[in-house]
Protein backbone atom coordinates (compact mmCIF):
# COMPACT_ATOMS: atom_id res chain seq x y z
CA UNK A 1 0.00 0.00 0.00
CA UNK A 2 1.34 3.44 -0.96
CA UNK A 3 1.87 6.09 1.74
CA UNK A 4 -0.93 8.57 2.24
CA UNK A 5 -0.40 12.02 0.71
CA UNK A 6 -1.18 14.37 3.59
CA UNK A 7 -1.19 17.43 1.32
CA UNK A 8 -4.36 16.35 -0.44
CA UNK A 9 -7.48 14.58 0.70
CA UNK A 10 -10.79 13.31 -0.58
CA UNK A 11 -12.85 14.58 2.35
CA UNK A 12 -15.45 17.15 1.32
CA UNK A 13 -17.27 19.38 3.80
CA UNK A 14 -20.91 20.00 2.90
CA UNK A 15 -21.22 23.00 5.23
CA UNK A 16 -22.41 25.36 2.46
CA UNK A 17 -25.20 23.00 1.49
CA UNK A 18 -26.32 22.38 5.06
CA UNK A 19 -26.33 26.11 5.84
CA UNK A 20 -28.36 26.85 2.71
CA UNK A 21 -30.89 24.13 3.59
CA UNK A 22 -31.34 25.71 7.03
CA UNK A 23 -31.29 29.34 5.91
CA UNK A 24 -28.36 30.04 8.23
CA UNK A 25 -25.27 32.16 7.63
CA UNK A 26 -21.73 31.12 8.36
CA UNK A 27 -21.45 34.04 10.79
CA UNK A 28 -24.49 32.85 12.76
CA UNK A 29 -23.14 29.29 12.89
CA UNK A 30 -19.78 30.59 14.12
CA UNK A 31 -21.56 32.51 16.87
CA UNK A 32 -23.64 29.50 17.95
CA UNK A 33 -20.70 27.07 17.83
CA UNK A 34 -18.23 29.44 19.47
CA UNK A 35 -15.52 29.37 16.82
CA UNK A 36 -14.25 32.06 14.49
CA UNK A 37 -15.82 32.79 11.15
CA UNK A 38 -12.38 32.29 9.58
CA UNK A 39 -12.02 28.77 11.00
CA UNK A 40 -15.45 27.76 9.70
CA UNK A 41 -14.61 29.28 6.32
CA UNK A 42 -11.46 27.15 6.12
CA UNK A 43 -13.54 24.07 6.88
CA UNK A 44 -16.29 25.07 4.43
CA UNK A 45 -13.79 25.55 1.62
CA UNK A 46 -12.16 22.12 2.15
CA UNK A 47 -8.88 23.66 3.28
CA UNK A 48 -8.97 22.35 6.85
CA UNK A 49 -6.24 19.91 7.79
CA UNK A 50 -7.83 18.99 11.12
CA UNK A 51 -10.93 19.62 13.21
CA UNK A 52 -11.50 19.16 16.94
CA UNK A 53 -14.11 16.58 17.82
CA UNK A 54 -15.73 19.14 20.13
CA UNK A 55 -16.09 21.58 17.21
CA UNK A 56 -17.43 18.85 14.94
CA UNK A 57 -19.95 17.83 17.60
CA UNK A 58 -21.04 21.44 18.16
CA UNK A 59 -21.55 22.04 14.42
CA UNK A 60 -23.61 18.87 14.14
CA UNK A 61 -25.72 19.79 17.17
CA UNK A 62 -26.46 23.29 15.86
CA UNK A 63 -27.22 22.04 12.34
CA UNK A 64 -29.09 18.99 13.67
CA UNK A 65 -27.13 16.63 11.46
CA UNK A 66 -24.75 13.70 11.74
CA UNK A 67 -21.04 13.80 10.98
CA UNK A 68 -21.73 11.81 7.79
CA UNK A 69 -24.08 14.56 6.63
CA UNK A 70 -21.35 17.17 7.09
CA UNK A 71 -18.25 15.30 5.91
CA UNK A 72 -18.25 12.96 2.93
CA UNK A 73 -15.54 11.08 1.06
CA UNK A 74 -15.16 11.93 -2.62
CA UNK A 75 -12.77 9.53 -4.25
CA UNK A 76 -10.99 10.53 -7.43
CA UNK A 77 -11.51 8.10 -10.30
CA UNK A 78 -8.70 5.58 -10.56
CA UNK A 79 -6.72 5.61 -13.76
C-alpha atoms as a PDB file:
ATOM      1  CA  UNK A   1       0.000   0.000   0.000  1.00  0.00           C
ATOM      2  CA  UNK A   2       1.344   3.436  -0.956  1.00  0.00           C
ATOM      3  CA  UNK A   3       1.870   6.088   1.735  1.00  0.00           C
ATOM      4  CA  UNK A   4      -0.933   8.574   2.236  1.00  0.00           C
ATOM      5  CA  UNK A   5      -0.396  12.022   0.705  1.00  0.00           C
ATOM      6  CA  UNK A   6      -1.184  14.372   3.590  1.00  0.00           C
ATOM      7  CA  UNK A   7      -1.186  17.433   1.323  1.00  0.00           C
ATOM      8  CA  UNK A   8      -4.356  16.353  -0.442  1.00  0.00           C
ATOM      9  CA  UNK A   9      -7.479  14.577   0.696  1.00  0.00           C
ATOM     10  CA  UNK A  10     -10.787  13.309  -0.584  1.00  0.00           C
ATOM     11  CA  UNK A  11     -12.854  14.584   2.354  1.00  0.00           C
ATOM     12  CA  UNK A  12     -15.451  17.152   1.318  1.00  0.00           C
ATOM     13  CA  UNK A  13     -17.267  19.377   3.800  1.00  0.00           C
ATOM     14  CA  UNK A  14     -20.911  19.998   2.905  1.00  0.00           C
ATOM     15  CA  UNK A  15     -21.222  23.000   5.231  1.00  0.00           C
ATOM     16  CA  UNK A  16     -22.409  25.361   2.460  1.00  0.00           C
ATOM     17  CA  UNK A  17     -25.201  23.002   1.488  1.00  0.00           C
ATOM     18  CA  UNK A  18     -26.318  22.378   5.057  1.00  0.00           C
ATOM     19  CA  UNK A  19     -26.328  26.105   5.843  1.00  0.00           C
ATOM     20  CA  UNK A  20     -28.363  26.850   2.714  1.00  0.00           C
ATOM     21  CA  UNK A  21     -30.891  24.131   3.588  1.00  0.00           C
ATOM     22  CA  UNK A  22     -31.342  25.710   7.026  1.00  0.00           C
ATOM     23  CA  UNK A  23     -31.287  29.335   5.907  1.00  0.00           C
ATOM     24  CA  UNK A  24     -28.357  30.040   8.228  1.00  0.00           C
ATOM     25  CA  UNK A  25     -25.270  32.158   7.634  1.00  0.00           C
ATOM     26  CA  UNK A  26     -21.734  31.122   8.365  1.00  0.00           C
ATOM     27  CA  UNK A  27     -21.446  34.044  10.791  1.00  0.00           C
ATOM     28  CA  UNK A  28     -24.486  32.850  12.761  1.00  0.00           C
ATOM     29  CA  UNK A  29     -23.138  29.295  12.895  1.00  0.00           C
ATOM     30  CA  UNK A  30     -19.778  30.592  14.119  1.00  0.00           C
ATOM     31  CA  UNK A  31     -21.558  32.515  16.866  1.00  0.00           C
ATOM     32  CA  UNK A  32     -23.636  29.500  17.952  1.00  0.00           C
ATOM     33  CA  UNK A  33     -20.704  27.070  17.828  1.00  0.00           C
ATOM     34  CA  UNK A  34     -18.231  29.439  19.466  1.00  0.00           C
ATOM     35  CA  UNK A  35     -15.523  29.369  16.818  1.00  0.00           C
ATOM     36  CA  UNK A  36     -14.248  32.060  14.491  1.00  0.00           C
ATOM     37  CA  UNK A  37     -15.824  32.790  11.152  1.00  0.00           C
ATOM     38  CA  UNK A  38     -12.379  32.289   9.582  1.00  0.00           C
ATOM     39  CA  UNK A  39     -12.023  28.767  11.002  1.00  0.00           C
ATOM     40  CA  UNK A  40     -15.448  27.762   9.702  1.00  0.00           C
ATOM     41  CA  UNK A  41     -14.614  29.282   6.324  1.00  0.00           C
ATOM     42  CA  UNK A  42     -11.462  27.153   6.120  1.00  0.00           C
ATOM     43  CA  UNK A  43     -13.544  24.068   6.883  1.00  0.00           C
ATOM     44  CA  UNK A  44     -16.294  25.074   4.430  1.00  0.00           C
ATOM     45  CA  UNK A  45     -13.787  25.550   1.615  1.00  0.00           C
ATOM     46  CA  UNK A  46     -12.164  22.123   2.147  1.00  0.00           C
ATOM     47  CA  UNK A  47      -8.878  23.663   3.278  1.00  0.00           C
ATOM     48  CA  UNK A  48      -8.969  22.351   6.851  1.00  0.00           C
ATOM     49  CA  UNK A  49      -6.241  19.906   7.787  1.00  0.00           C
ATOM     50  CA  UNK A  50      -7.834  18.993  11.123  1.00  0.00           C
ATOM     51  CA  UNK A  51     -10.929  19.625  13.214  1.00  0.00           C
ATOM     52  CA  UNK A  52     -11.497  19.160  16.937  1.00  0.00           C
ATOM     53  CA  UNK A  53     -14.111  16.583  17.824  1.00  0.00           C
ATOM     54  CA  UNK A  54     -15.727  19.144  20.127  1.00  0.00           C
ATOM     55  CA  UNK A  55     -16.088  21.582  17.209  1.00  0.00           C
ATOM     56  CA  UNK A  56     -17.433  18.852  14.936  1.00  0.00           C
ATOM     57  CA  UNK A  57     -19.946  17.834  17.596  1.00  0.00           C
ATOM     58  CA  UNK A  58     -21.043  21.442  18.163  1.00  0.00           C
ATOM     59  CA  UNK A  59     -21.546  22.035  14.424  1.00  0.00           C
ATOM     60  CA  UNK A  60     -23.612  18.865  14.143  1.00  0.00           C
ATOM     61  CA  UNK A  61     -25.721  19.794  17.172  1.00  0.00           C
ATOM     62  CA  UNK A  62     -26.458  23.293  15.855  1.00  0.00           C
ATOM     63  CA  UNK A  63     -27.223  22.038  12.337  1.00  0.00           C
ATOM     64  CA  UNK A  64     -29.091  18.988  13.665  1.00  0.00           C
ATOM     65  CA  UNK A  65     -27.130  16.629  11.464  1.00  0.00           C
ATOM     66  CA  UNK A  66     -24.751  13.700  11.736  1.00  0.00           C
ATOM     67  CA  UNK A  67     -21.042  13.799  10.976  1.00  0.00           C
ATOM     68  CA  UNK A  68     -21.728  11.815   7.787  1.00  0.00           C
ATOM     69  CA  UNK A  69     -24.083  14.562   6.630  1.00  0.00           C
ATOM     70  CA  UNK A  70     -21.348  17.169   7.090  1.00  0.00           C
ATOM     71  CA  UNK A  71     -18.246  15.303   5.912  1.00  0.00           C
ATOM     72  CA  UNK A  72     -18.253  12.959   2.928  1.00  0.00           C
ATOM     73  CA  UNK A  73     -15.540  11.085   1.064  1.00  0.00           C
ATOM     74  CA  UNK A  74     -15.156  11.926  -2.618  1.00  0.00           C
ATOM     75  CA  UNK A  75     -12.765   9.535  -4.252  1.00  0.00           C
ATOM     76  CA  UNK A  76     -10.986  10.534  -7.427  1.00  0.00           C
ATOM     77  CA  UNK A  77     -11.507   8.098 -10.296  1.00  0.00           C
ATOM     78  CA  UNK A  78      -8.704   5.580 -10.562  1.00  0.00           C
ATOM     79  CA  UNK A  79      -6.723   5.606 -13.762  1.00  0.00           C
END
